[in-house]
């Protein structure tokens, strides 16, 4: 990505980033096999933390938008939810801490 960003003299913005809260979530983050229903909250935390650890301070990286964030916060996500949203899950705290440091 750095080579591409440098060749265009532009930063790279991820139009979305996120991981489901299931086993092996980072192996194929685009996988939307909803037969995978066993919740793994720590897997989602780990994947998002690695994204921040590896990319967030890179000069070529412009940031990104969290997938999937719902407007009705109170009923979104939660500890029994295996989908992409980090809302009301431990992964939300990881995101919150990273964004707090940026201010």
PDB file of N, CA and C in Angstrom:
ATOM      1  N   UNK A   1       0.816  -1.191   0.000  1.00  0.00           N
ATOM      2  CA  UNK A   1       0.000   0.000   0.000  1.00  0.00           C
ATOM      3  C   UNK A   1       0.864   1.261   0.000  1.00  0.00           C
ATOM      4  N   UNK A   2       1.946   1.227   0.745  1.00  0.00           N
ATOM      5  CA  UNK A   2       2.812   2.410   0.810  1.00  0.00           C
ATOM      6  C   UNK A   2       3.328   2.771  -0.576  1.00  0.00           C
ATOM      7  N   UNK A   3       3.763   1.767  -1.317  1.00  0.00           N
ATOM      8  CA  UNK A   3       4.301   2.008  -2.659  1.00  0.00           C
ATOM      9  C   UNK A   3       3.236   2.655  -3.555  1.00  0.00           C
ATOM     10  N   UNK A   4       2.026   2.151  -3.481  1.00  0.00           N
ATOM     11  CA  UNK A   4       0.933   2.706  -4.286  1.00  0.00           C
ATOM     12  C   UNK A   4       0.611   4.138  -3.851  1.00  0.00           C
ATOM     13  N   UNK A   5       0.506   4.351  -2.545  1.00  0.00           N
ATOM     14  CA  UNK A   5       0.219   5.694  -2.024  1.00  0.00           C
ATOM     15  C   UNK A   5       1.315   6.678  -2.449  1.00  0.00           C
ATOM     16  N   UNK A   6       2.552   6.241  -2.344  1.00  0.00           N
ATOM     17  CA  UNK A   6       3.669   7.106  -2.737  1.00  0.00           C
ATOM     18  C   UNK A   6       3.639   7.419  -4.227  1.00  0.00           C
ATOM     19  N   UNK A   7       3.289   6.429  -5.050  1.00  0.00           N
ATOM     20  CA  UNK A   7       3.280   6.653  -6.508  1.00  0.00           C
ATOM     21  C   UNK A   7       2.224   7.676  -6.906  1.00  0.00           C
ATOM     22  N   UNK A   8       1.153   7.776  -6.131  1.00  0.00           N
ATOM     23  CA  UNK A   8       0.084   8.739  -6.418  1.00  0.00           C
ATOM     24  C   UNK A   8       0.209  10.021  -5.605  1.00  0.00           C
ATOM     25  N   UNK A   9       1.144  10.019  -4.666  1.00  0.00           N
ATOM     26  CA  UNK A   9       1.300  11.128  -3.728  1.00  0.00           C
ATOM     27  C   UNK A   9      -0.018  11.411  -2.997  1.00  0.00           C
ATOM     28  N   UNK A  10      -0.665  10.318  -2.582  1.00  0.00           N
ATOM     29  CA  UNK A  10      -1.944  10.381  -1.863  1.00  0.00           C
ATOM     30  C   UNK A  10      -1.913   9.384  -0.717  1.00  0.00           C
ATOM     31  N   UNK A  11      -2.676   9.683   0.320  1.00  0.00           N
ATOM     32  CA  UNK A  11      -2.848   8.731   1.407  1.00  0.00           C
ATOM     33  C   UNK A  11      -3.977   7.766   1.060  1.00  0.00           C
ATOM     34  N   UNK A  12      -3.960   6.620   1.708  1.00  0.00           N
ATOM     35  CA  UNK A  12      -4.987   5.596   1.489  1.00  0.00           C
ATOM     36  C   UNK A  12      -6.011   5.678   2.613  1.00  0.00           C
ATOM     37  N   UNK A  13      -7.272   5.784   2.236  1.00  0.00           N
ATOM     38  CA  UNK A  13      -8.382   5.787   3.186  1.00  0.00           C
ATOM     39  C   UNK A  13      -9.162   4.493   3.019  1.00  0.00           C
ATOM     40  N   UNK A  14      -9.299   3.752   4.099  1.00  0.00           N
ATOM     41  CA  UNK A  14     -10.118   2.544   4.047  1.00  0.00           C
ATOM     42  C   UNK A  14     -11.578   2.973   4.124  1.00  0.00           C
ATOM     43  N   UNK A  15     -12.343   2.686   3.094  1.00  0.00           N
ATOM     44  CA  UNK A  15     -13.744   3.092   3.090  1.00  0.00           C
ATOM     45  C   UNK A  15     -14.542   2.319   4.127  1.00  0.00           C
ATOM     46  N   UNK A  16     -13.994   1.201   4.552  1.00  0.00           N
ATOM     47  CA  UNK A  16     -14.575   0.481   5.691  1.00  0.00           C
ATOM     48  C   UNK A  16     -13.532  -0.465   6.253  1.00  0.00           C
ATOM     49  N   UNK A  17     -13.590  -0.665   7.550  1.00  0.00           N
ATOM     50  CA  UNK A  17     -12.783  -1.703   8.178  1.00  0.00           C
ATOM     51  C   UNK A  17     -13.590  -2.278   9.321  1.00  0.00           C
ATOM     52  N   UNK A  18     -13.448  -3.553   9.519  1.00  0.00           N
ATOM     53  CA  UNK A  18     -14.163  -4.200  10.609  1.00  0.00           C
ATOM     54  C   UNK A  18     -14.025  -5.700  10.523  1.00  0.00           C
ATOM     55  N   UNK A  19     -14.362  -6.329  11.609  1.00  0.00           N
ATOM     56  CA  UNK A  19     -14.251  -7.776  11.731  1.00  0.00           C
ATOM     57  C   UNK A  19     -15.452  -8.291  12.500  1.00  0.00           C
ATOM     58  N   UNK A  20     -15.918  -9.460  12.123  1.00  0.00           N
ATOM     59  CA  UNK A  20     -16.989 -10.088  12.886  1.00  0.00           C
ATOM     60  C   UNK A  20     -16.426 -10.582  14.213  1.00  0.00           C
ATOM     61  N   UNK A  21     -17.289 -10.794  15.169  1.00  0.00           N
ATOM     62  CA  UNK A  21     -16.857 -11.347  16.456  1.00  0.00           C
ATOM     63  C   UNK A  21     -17.078 -12.856  16.423  1.00  0.00           C
ATOM     64  N   UNK A  22     -16.234 -13.527  15.609  1.00  0.00           N
ATOM     65  CA  UNK A  22     -16.267 -14.984  15.446  1.00  0.00           C
ATOM     66  C   UNK A  22     -14.832 -15.501  15.393  1.00  0.00           C
ATOM     67  N   UNK A  23     -14.676 -16.815  15.514  1.00  0.00           N
ATOM     68  CA  UNK A  23     -13.356 -17.427  15.384  1.00  0.00           C
ATOM     69  C   UNK A  23     -12.761 -17.136  14.010  1.00  0.00           C
ATOM     70  N   UNK A  24     -11.464 -16.967  13.963  1.00  0.00           N
ATOM     71  CA  UNK A  24     -10.705 -16.772  12.721  1.00  0.00           C
ATOM     72  C   UNK A  24     -11.205 -15.577  11.910  1.00  0.00           C
ATOM     73  N   UNK A  25     -11.650 -14.550  12.589  1.00  0.00           N
ATOM     74  CA  UNK A  25     -12.229 -13.393  11.910  1.00  0.00           C
ATOM     75  C   UNK A  25     -11.253 -12.682  10.995  1.00  0.00           C
ATOM     76  N   UNK A  26      -9.981 -12.679  11.324  1.00  0.00           N
ATOM     77  CA  UNK A  26      -9.002 -11.971  10.503  1.00  0.00           C
ATOM     78  C   UNK A  26      -8.499 -12.819   9.335  1.00  0.00           C
ATOM     79  N   UNK A  27      -8.822 -14.105   9.320  1.00  0.00           N
ATOM     80  CA  UNK A  27      -8.367 -14.964   8.222  1.00  0.00           C
ATOM     81  C   UNK A  27      -9.028 -14.554   6.909  1.00  0.00           C
ATOM     82  N   UNK A  28     -10.318 -14.285   6.950  1.00  0.00           N
ATOM     83  CA  UNK A  28     -11.073 -13.832   5.782  1.00  0.00           C
ATOM     84  C   UNK A  28     -12.071 -12.792   6.269  1.00  0.00           C
ATOM     85  N   UNK A  29     -11.623 -11.558   6.497  1.00  0.00           N
ATOM     86  CA  UNK A  29     -12.515 -10.565   7.101  1.00  0.00           C
ATOM     87  C   UNK A  29     -13.729 -10.218   6.246  1.00  0.00           C
ATOM     88  N   UNK A  30     -13.699 -10.528   4.975  1.00  0.00           N
ATOM     89  CA  UNK A  30     -14.831 -10.267   4.089  1.00  0.00           C
ATOM     90  C   UNK A  30     -15.877 -11.378   4.167  1.00  0.00           C
ATOM     91  N   UNK A  31     -15.555 -12.468   4.860  1.00  0.00           N
ATOM     92  CA  UNK A  31     -16.442 -13.633   4.928  1.00  0.00           C
ATOM     93  C   UNK A  31     -17.724 -13.290   5.686  1.00  0.00           C
ATOM     94  N   UNK A  32     -18.834 -13.422   5.037  1.00  0.00           N
ATOM     95  CA  UNK A  32     -20.111 -13.136   5.690  1.00  0.00           C
ATOM     96  C   UNK A  32     -20.950 -14.403   5.814  1.00  0.00           C
ATOM     97  N   UNK A  33     -20.284 -15.515   6.075  1.00  0.00           N
ATOM     98  CA  UNK A  33     -20.976 -16.786   6.275  1.00  0.00           C
ATOM     99  C   UNK A  33     -21.690 -16.734   7.619  1.00  0.00           C
ATOM    100  N   UNK A  34     -22.981 -16.432   7.573  1.00  0.00           N
ATOM    101  CA  UNK A  34     -23.730 -16.277   8.807  1.00  0.00           C
ATOM    102  C   UNK A  34     -24.093 -17.609   9.457  1.00  0.00           C
ATOM    103  N   UNK A  35     -23.558 -18.714   8.903  1.00  0.00           N
ATOM    104  CA  UNK A  35     -23.658 -19.989   9.612  1.00  0.00           C
ATOM    105  C   UNK A  35     -22.678 -20.005  10.783  1.00  0.00           C
ATOM    106  N   UNK A  36     -21.672 -19.137  10.694  1.00  0.00           N
ATOM    107  CA  UNK A  36     -20.738 -18.967  11.813  1.00  0.00           C
ATOM    108  C   UNK A  36     -21.442 -18.094  12.843  1.00  0.00           C
ATOM    109  N   UNK A  37     -21.920 -18.703  13.879  1.00  0.00           N
ATOM    110  CA  UNK A  37     -22.695 -17.942  14.865  1.00  0.00           C
ATOM    111  C   UNK A  37     -22.074 -17.957  16.252  1.00  0.00           C
ATOM    112  N   UNK A  38     -21.070 -18.805  16.469  1.00  0.00           N
ATOM    113  CA  UNK A  38     -20.423 -18.843  17.779  1.00  0.00           C
ATOM    114  C   UNK A  38     -19.662 -17.536  17.992  1.00  0.00           C
ATOM    115  N   UNK A  39     -19.995 -16.838  19.045  1.00  0.00           N
ATOM    116  CA  UNK A  39     -19.415 -15.523  19.317  1.00  0.00           C
ATOM    117  C   UNK A  39     -18.009 -15.660  19.890  1.00  0.00           C
ATOM    118  N   UNK A  40     -17.086 -14.873  19.336  1.00  0.00           N
ATOM    119  CA  UNK A  40     -15.724 -14.768  19.854  1.00  0.00           C
ATOM    120  C   UNK A  40     -15.380 -13.279  19.932  1.00  0.00           C
ATOM    121  N   UNK A  41     -15.704 -12.675  21.045  1.00  0.00           N
ATOM    122  CA  UNK A  41     -15.479 -11.240  21.219  1.00  0.00           C
ATOM    123  C   UNK A  41     -13.995 -10.897  21.216  1.00  0.00           C
ATOM    124  N   UNK A  42     -13.176 -11.779  21.767  1.00  0.00           N
ATOM    125  CA  UNK A  42     -11.739 -11.522  21.823  1.00  0.00           C
ATOM    126  C   UNK A  42     -11.119 -11.548  20.429  1.00  0.00           C
ATOM    127  N   UNK A  43     -11.631 -12.385  19.552  1.00  0.00           N
ATOM    128  CA  UNK A  43     -11.144 -12.406  18.173  1.00  0.00           C
ATOM    129  C   UNK A  43     -11.335 -11.067  17.495  1.00  0.00           C
ATOM    130  N   UNK A  44     -12.492 -10.460  17.700  1.00  0.00           N
ATOM    131  CA  UNK A  44     -12.770  -9.146  17.119  1.00  0.00           C
ATOM    132  C   UNK A  44     -11.847  -8.091  17.727  1.00  0.00           C
ATOM    133  N   UNK A  45     -11.662  -8.139  19.028  1.00  0.00           N
ATOM    134  CA  UNK A  45     -10.752  -7.208  19.709  1.00  0.00           C
ATOM    135  C   UNK A  45      -9.349  -7.340  19.126  1.00  0.00           C
ATOM    136  N   UNK A  46      -8.863  -8.566  19.038  1.00  0.00           N
ATOM    137  CA  UNK A  46      -7.502  -8.795  18.548  1.00  0.00           C
ATOM    138  C   UNK A  46      -7.313  -8.272  17.129  1.00  0.00           C
ATOM    139  N   UNK A  47      -8.271  -8.550  16.254  1.00  0.00           N
ATOM    140  CA  UNK A  47      -8.152  -8.130  14.860  1.00  0.00           C
ATOM    141  C   UNK A  47      -8.142  -6.609  14.735  1.00  0.00           C
ATOM    142  N   UNK A  48      -9.018  -5.942  15.443  1.00  0.00           N
ATOM    143  CA  UNK A  48      -9.059  -4.480  15.371  1.00  0.00           C
ATOM    144  C   UNK A  48      -7.807  -3.873  15.992  1.00  0.00           C
ATOM    145  N   UNK A  49      -7.330  -4.453  17.083  1.00  0.00           N
ATOM    146  CA  UNK A  49      -6.116  -3.944  17.713  1.00  0.00           C
ATOM    147  C   UNK A  49      -4.919  -4.061  16.779  1.00  0.00           C
ATOM    148  N   UNK A  50      -4.811  -5.178  16.077  1.00  0.00           N
ATOM    149  CA  UNK A  50      -3.707  -5.362  15.134  1.00  0.00           C
ATOM    150  C   UNK A  50      -3.791  -4.338  14.006  1.00  0.00           C
ATOM    151  N   UNK A  51      -4.989  -4.092  13.500  1.00  0.00           N
ATOM    152  CA  UNK A  51      -5.147  -3.075  12.460  1.00  0.00           C
ATOM    153  C   UNK A  51      -4.605  -1.733  12.948  1.00  0.00           C
ATOM    154  N   UNK A  52      -4.986  -1.339  14.142  1.00  0.00           N
ATOM    155  CA  UNK A  52      -4.503  -0.071  14.680  1.00  0.00           C
ATOM    156  C   UNK A  52      -2.997  -0.111  14.925  1.00  0.00           C
ATOM    157  N   UNK A  53      -2.499  -1.186  15.505  1.00  0.00           N
ATOM    158  CA  UNK A  53      -1.067  -1.291  15.802  1.00  0.00           C
ATOM    159  C   UNK A  53      -0.215  -1.230  14.532  1.00  0.00           C
ATOM    160  N   UNK A  54      -0.685  -1.855  13.473  1.00  0.00           N
ATOM    161  CA  UNK A  54       0.114  -1.964  12.261  1.00  0.00           C
ATOM    162  C   UNK A  54      -0.059  -0.803  11.283  1.00  0.00           C
ATOM    163  N   UNK A  55      -1.226  -0.182  11.256  1.00  0.00           N
ATOM    164  CA  UNK A  55      -1.484   0.809  10.217  1.00  0.00           C
ATOM    165  C   UNK A  55      -1.665   2.240  10.696  1.00  0.00           C
ATOM    166  N   UNK A  56      -2.175   2.420  11.879  1.00  0.00           N
ATOM    167  CA  UNK A  56      -2.669   3.731  12.285  1.00  0.00           C
ATOM    168  C   UNK A  56      -1.606   4.827  12.250  1.00  0.00           C
ATOM    169  N   UNK A  57      -0.376   4.482  12.528  1.00  0.00           N
ATOM    170  CA  UNK A  57       0.689   5.498  12.545  1.00  0.00           C
ATOM    171  C   UNK A  57       1.463   5.575  11.233  1.00  0.00           C
ATOM    172  N   UNK A  58       1.082   4.774  10.271  1.00  0.00           N
ATOM    173  CA  UNK A  58       1.763   4.819   8.974  1.00  0.00           C
ATOM    174  C   UNK A  58       1.469   6.142   8.278  1.00  0.00           C
ATOM    175  N   UNK A  59       2.481   6.736   7.719  1.00  0.00           N
ATOM    176  CA  UNK A  59       2.339   8.035   7.063  1.00  0.00           C
ATOM    177  C   UNK A  59       1.376   7.973   5.869  1.00  0.00           C
ATOM    178  N   UNK A  60       1.339   6.850   5.183  1.00  0.00           N
ATOM    179  CA  UNK A  60       0.507   6.715   3.978  1.00  0.00           C
ATOM    180  C   UNK A  60      -0.961   6.428   4.304  1.00  0.00           C
ATOM    181  N   UNK A  61      -1.258   6.128   5.566  1.00  0.00           N
ATOM    182  CA  UNK A  61      -2.610   5.709   5.952  1.00  0.00           C
ATOM    183  C   UNK A  61      -3.425   6.905   6.431  1.00  0.00           C
ATOM    184  N   UNK A  62      -4.566   7.128   5.794  1.00  0.00           N
ATOM    185  CA  UNK A  62      -5.414   8.274   6.138  1.00  0.00           C
ATOM    186  C   UNK A  62      -6.490   7.925   7.160  1.00  0.00           C
ATOM    187  N   UNK A  63      -6.666   6.647   7.476  1.00  0.00           N
ATOM    188  CA  UNK A  63      -7.704   6.232   8.421  1.00  0.00           C
ATOM    189  C   UNK A  63      -8.782   5.441   7.727  1.00  0.00           C
ATOM    190  N   UNK A  64      -9.954   5.393   8.356  1.00  0.00           N
ATOM    191  CA  UNK A  64     -11.029   4.613   7.765  1.00  0.00           C
ATOM    192  C   UNK A  64     -12.322   4.757   8.538  1.00  0.00           C
ATOM    193  N   UNK A  65     -13.323   4.104   8.030  1.00  0.00           N
ATOM    194  CA  UNK A  65     -14.661   4.133   8.612  1.00  0.00           C
ATOM    195  C   UNK A  65     -14.994   2.763   9.186  1.00  0.00           C
ATOM    196  N   UNK A  66     -15.477   2.738  10.413  1.00  0.00           N
ATOM    197  CA  UNK A  66     -15.818   1.489  11.097  1.00  0.00           C
ATOM    198  C   UNK A  66     -17.039   0.856  10.436  1.00  0.00           C
ATOM    199  N   UNK A  67     -16.918  -0.427  10.111  1.00  0.00           N
ATOM    200  CA  UNK A  67     -18.033  -1.201   9.586  1.00  0.00           C
ATOM    201  C   UNK A  67     -18.438  -2.182  10.667  1.00  0.00           C
ATOM    202  N   UNK A  68     -19.513  -2.186  11.094  1.00  0.00           N
ATOM    203  CA  UNK A  68     -20.740  -1.542  10.707  1.00  0.00           C
ATOM    204  C   UNK A  68     -21.266  -0.833  11.943  1.00  0.00           C
ATOM    205  N   UNK A  69     -21.566   0.428  11.820  1.00  0.00           N
ATOM    206  CA  UNK A  69     -22.026   1.235  12.939  1.00  0.00           C
ATOM    207  C   UNK A  69     -23.490   1.602  12.705  1.00  0.00           C
ATOM    208  N   UNK A  70     -24.326   1.261  13.684  1.00  0.00           N
ATOM    209  CA  UNK A  70     -25.755   1.496  13.547  1.00  0.00           C
ATOM    210  C   UNK A  70     -26.186   2.747  14.301  1.00  0.00           C
ATOM    211  N   UNK A  71     -27.165   3.429  13.777  1.00  0.00           N
ATOM    212  CA  UNK A  71     -27.655   4.660  14.376  1.00  0.00           C
ATOM    213  C   UNK A  71     -28.390   4.413  15.695  1.00  0.00           C
ATOM    214  N   UNK A  72     -29.051   3.266  15.813  1.00  0.00           N
ATOM    215  CA  UNK A  72     -29.805   2.945  17.025  1.00  0.00           C
ATOM    216  C   UNK A  72     -28.873   2.218  18.000  1.00  0.00           C
ATOM    217  N   UNK A  73     -28.005   2.992  18.623  1.00  0.00           N
ATOM    218  CA  UNK A  73     -26.911   2.455  19.432  1.00  0.00           C
ATOM    219  C   UNK A  73     -27.368   1.480  20.512  1.00  0.00           C
ATOM    220  N   UNK A  74     -28.380   1.820  21.241  1.00  0.00           N
ATOM    221  CA  UNK A  74     -28.792   1.034  22.414  1.00  0.00           C
ATOM    222  C   UNK A  74     -29.139  -0.416  22.087  1.00  0.00           C
ATOM    223  N   UNK A  75     -29.622  -0.684  20.891  1.00  0.00           N
ATOM    224  CA  UNK A  75     -30.037  -2.050  20.546  1.00  0.00           C
ATOM    225  C   UNK A  75     -29.084  -2.697  19.542  1.00  0.00           C
ATOM    226  N   UNK A  76     -27.940  -2.106  19.318  1.00  0.00           N
ATOM    227  CA  UNK A  76     -26.994  -2.618  18.330  1.00  0.00           C
ATOM    228  C   UNK A  76     -25.897  -3.434  18.997  1.00  0.00           C
ATOM    229  N   UNK A  77     -25.490  -4.493  18.310  1.00  0.00           N
ATOM    230  CA  UNK A  77     -24.383  -5.314  18.788  1.00  0.00           C
ATOM    231  C   UNK A  77     -24.687  -6.042  20.067  1.00  0.00           C
ATOM    232  N   UNK A  78     -23.724  -5.995  20.978  1.00  0.00           N
ATOM    233  CA  UNK A  78     -23.866  -6.671  22.260  1.00  0.00           C
ATOM    234  C   UNK A  78     -23.044  -7.944  22.323  1.00  0.00           C
ATOM    235  N   UNK A  79     -22.874  -8.452  23.508  1.00  0.00           N
ATOM    236  CA  UNK A  79     -21.995  -9.594  23.756  1.00  0.00           C
ATOM    237  C   UNK A  79     -22.451 -10.909  23.149  1.00  0.00           C
ATOM    238  N   UNK A  80     -23.660 -10.986  22.665  1.00  0.00           N
ATOM    239  CA  UNK A  80     -24.138 -12.216  22.027  1.00  0.00           C
ATOM    240  C   UNK A  80     -24.227 -12.065  20.504  1.00  0.00           C
ATOM    241  N   UNK A  81     -23.736 -10.971  19.972  1.00  0.00           N
ATOM    242  CA  UNK A  81     -23.844 -10.657  18.558  1.00  0.00           C
ATOM    243  C   UNK A  81     -22.561 -11.051  17.838  1.00  0.00           C
ATOM    244  N   UNK A  82     -22.669 -11.864  16.801  1.00  0.00           N
ATOM    245  CA  UNK A  82     -21.489 -12.340  16.068  1.00  0.00           C
ATOM    246  C   UNK A  82     -21.231 -11.548  14.791  1.00  0.00           C
ATOM    247  N   UNK A  83     -21.948 -10.510  14.572  1.00  0.00           N
ATOM    248  CA  UNK A  83     -21.823  -9.749  13.318  1.00  0.00           C
ATOM    249  C   UNK A  83     -20.692  -8.715  13.396  1.00  0.00           C
ATOM    250  N   UNK A  84     -20.578  -7.897  12.384  1.00  0.00           N
ATOM    251  CA  UNK A  84     -19.452  -6.977  12.252  1.00  0.00           C
ATOM    252  C   UNK A  84     -19.442  -5.832  13.251  1.00  0.00           C
ATOM    253  N   UNK A  85     -20.579  -5.356  13.683  1.00  0.00           N
ATOM    254  CA  UNK A  85     -20.573  -4.167  14.524  1.00  0.00           C
ATOM    255  C   UNK A  85     -19.767  -4.374  15.808  1.00  0.00           C
ATOM    256  N   UNK A  86     -18.948  -3.391  16.181  1.00  0.00           N
ATOM    257  CA  UNK A  86     -18.255  -3.438  17.463  1.00  0.00           C
ATOM    258  C   UNK A  86     -19.083  -2.817  18.592  1.00  0.00           C
ATOM    259  N   UNK A  87     -20.270  -2.320  18.263  1.00  0.00           N
ATOM    260  CA  UNK A  87     -21.081  -1.601  19.250  1.00  0.00           C
ATOM    261  C   UNK A  87     -21.485  -2.499  20.413  1.00  0.00           C
ATOM    262  N   UNK A  88     -21.322  -1.950  21.602  1.00  0.00           N
ATOM    263  CA  UNK A  88     -21.667  -2.636  22.842  1.00  0.00           C
ATOM    264  C   UNK A  88     -20.922  -3.956  22.999  1.00  0.00           C
ATOM    265  N   UNK A  89     -19.688  -3.984  22.485  1.00  0.00           N
ATOM    266  CA  UNK A  89     -18.790  -5.135  22.601  1.00  0.00           C
ATOM    267  C   UNK A  89     -17.430  -4.605  23.057  1.00  0.00           C
ATOM    268  N   UNK A  90     -16.558  -5.471  23.536  1.00  0.00           N
ATOM    269  CA  UNK A  90     -15.226  -5.015  23.953  1.00  0.00           C
ATOM    270  C   UNK A  90     -14.439  -4.312  22.851  1.00  0.00           C
ATOM    271  N   UNK A  91     -14.641  -4.670  21.604  1.00  0.00           N
ATOM    272  CA  UNK A  91     -13.917  -4.031  20.496  1.00  0.00           C
ATOM    273  C   UNK A  91     -14.224  -2.537  20.412  1.00  0.00           C
ATOM    274  N   UNK A  92     -15.398  -2.140  20.848  1.00  0.00           N
ATOM    275  CA  UNK A  92     -15.731  -0.718  20.838  1.00  0.00           C
ATOM    276  C   UNK A  92     -14.771   0.065  21.734  1.00  0.00           C
ATOM    277  N   UNK A  93     -14.369  -0.526  22.842  1.00  0.00           N
ATOM    278  CA  UNK A  93     -13.434   0.149  23.745  1.00  0.00           C
ATOM    279  C   UNK A  93     -12.064   0.334  23.109  1.00  0.00           C
ATOM    280  N   UNK A  94     -11.645  -0.633  22.303  1.00  0.00           N
ATOM    281  CA  UNK A  94     -10.372  -0.510  21.589  1.00  0.00           C
ATOM    282  C   UNK A  94     -10.443   0.682  20.637  1.00  0.00           C
ATOM    283  N   UNK A  95     -11.509   0.774  19.887  1.00  0.00           N
ATOM    284  CA  UNK A  95     -11.695   1.879  18.939  1.00  0.00           C
ATOM    285  C   UNK A  95     -11.757   3.206  19.679  1.00  0.00           C
ATOM    286  N   UNK A  96     -12.500   3.223  20.751  1.00  0.00           N
ATOM    287  CA  UNK A  96     -12.649   4.455  21.540  1.00  0.00           C
ATOM    288  C   UNK A  96     -11.281   4.950  22.040  1.00  0.00           C
ATOM    289  N   UNK A  97     -10.455   4.048  22.534  1.00  0.00           N
ATOM    290  CA  UNK A  97      -9.143   4.438  23.059  1.00  0.00           C
ATOM    291  C   UNK A  97      -8.232   4.989  21.960  1.00  0.00           C
ATOM    292  N   UNK A  98      -8.254   4.373  20.792  1.00  0.00           N
ATOM    293  CA  UNK A  98      -7.416   4.846  19.685  1.00  0.00           C
ATOM    294  C   UNK A  98      -7.870   6.238  19.243  1.00  0.00           C
ATOM    295  N   UNK A  99      -9.156   6.425  19.090  1.00  0.00           N
ATOM    296  CA  UNK A  99      -9.648   7.721  18.651  1.00  0.00           C
ATOM    297  C   UNK A  99      -9.425   8.796  19.724  1.00  0.00           C
ATOM    298  N   UNK A 100      -9.463   8.424  20.983  1.00  0.00           N
ATOM    299  CA  UNK A 100      -9.187   9.378  22.059  1.00  0.00           C
ATOM    300  C   UNK A 100      -7.755   9.896  21.966  1.00  0.00           C
ATOM    301  N   UNK A 101      -6.829   9.012  21.665  1.00  0.00           N
ATOM    302  CA  UNK A 101      -5.406   9.403  21.559  1.00  0.00           C
ATOM    303  C   UNK A 101      -5.177  10.370  20.414  1.00  0.00           C
ATOM    304  N   UNK A 102      -6.017  10.342  19.406  1.00  0.00           N
ATOM    305  CA  UNK A 102      -5.821  11.179  18.231  1.00  0.00           C
ATOM    306  C   UNK A 102      -6.186  12.627  18.486  1.00  0.00           C
ATOM    307  N   UNK A 103      -6.934  12.905  19.532  1.00  0.00           N
ATOM    308  CA  UNK A 103      -7.383  14.275  19.803  1.00  0.00           C
ATOM    309  C   UNK A 103      -6.316  15.108  20.465  1.00  0.00           C
TER     310      UNK A 103
END
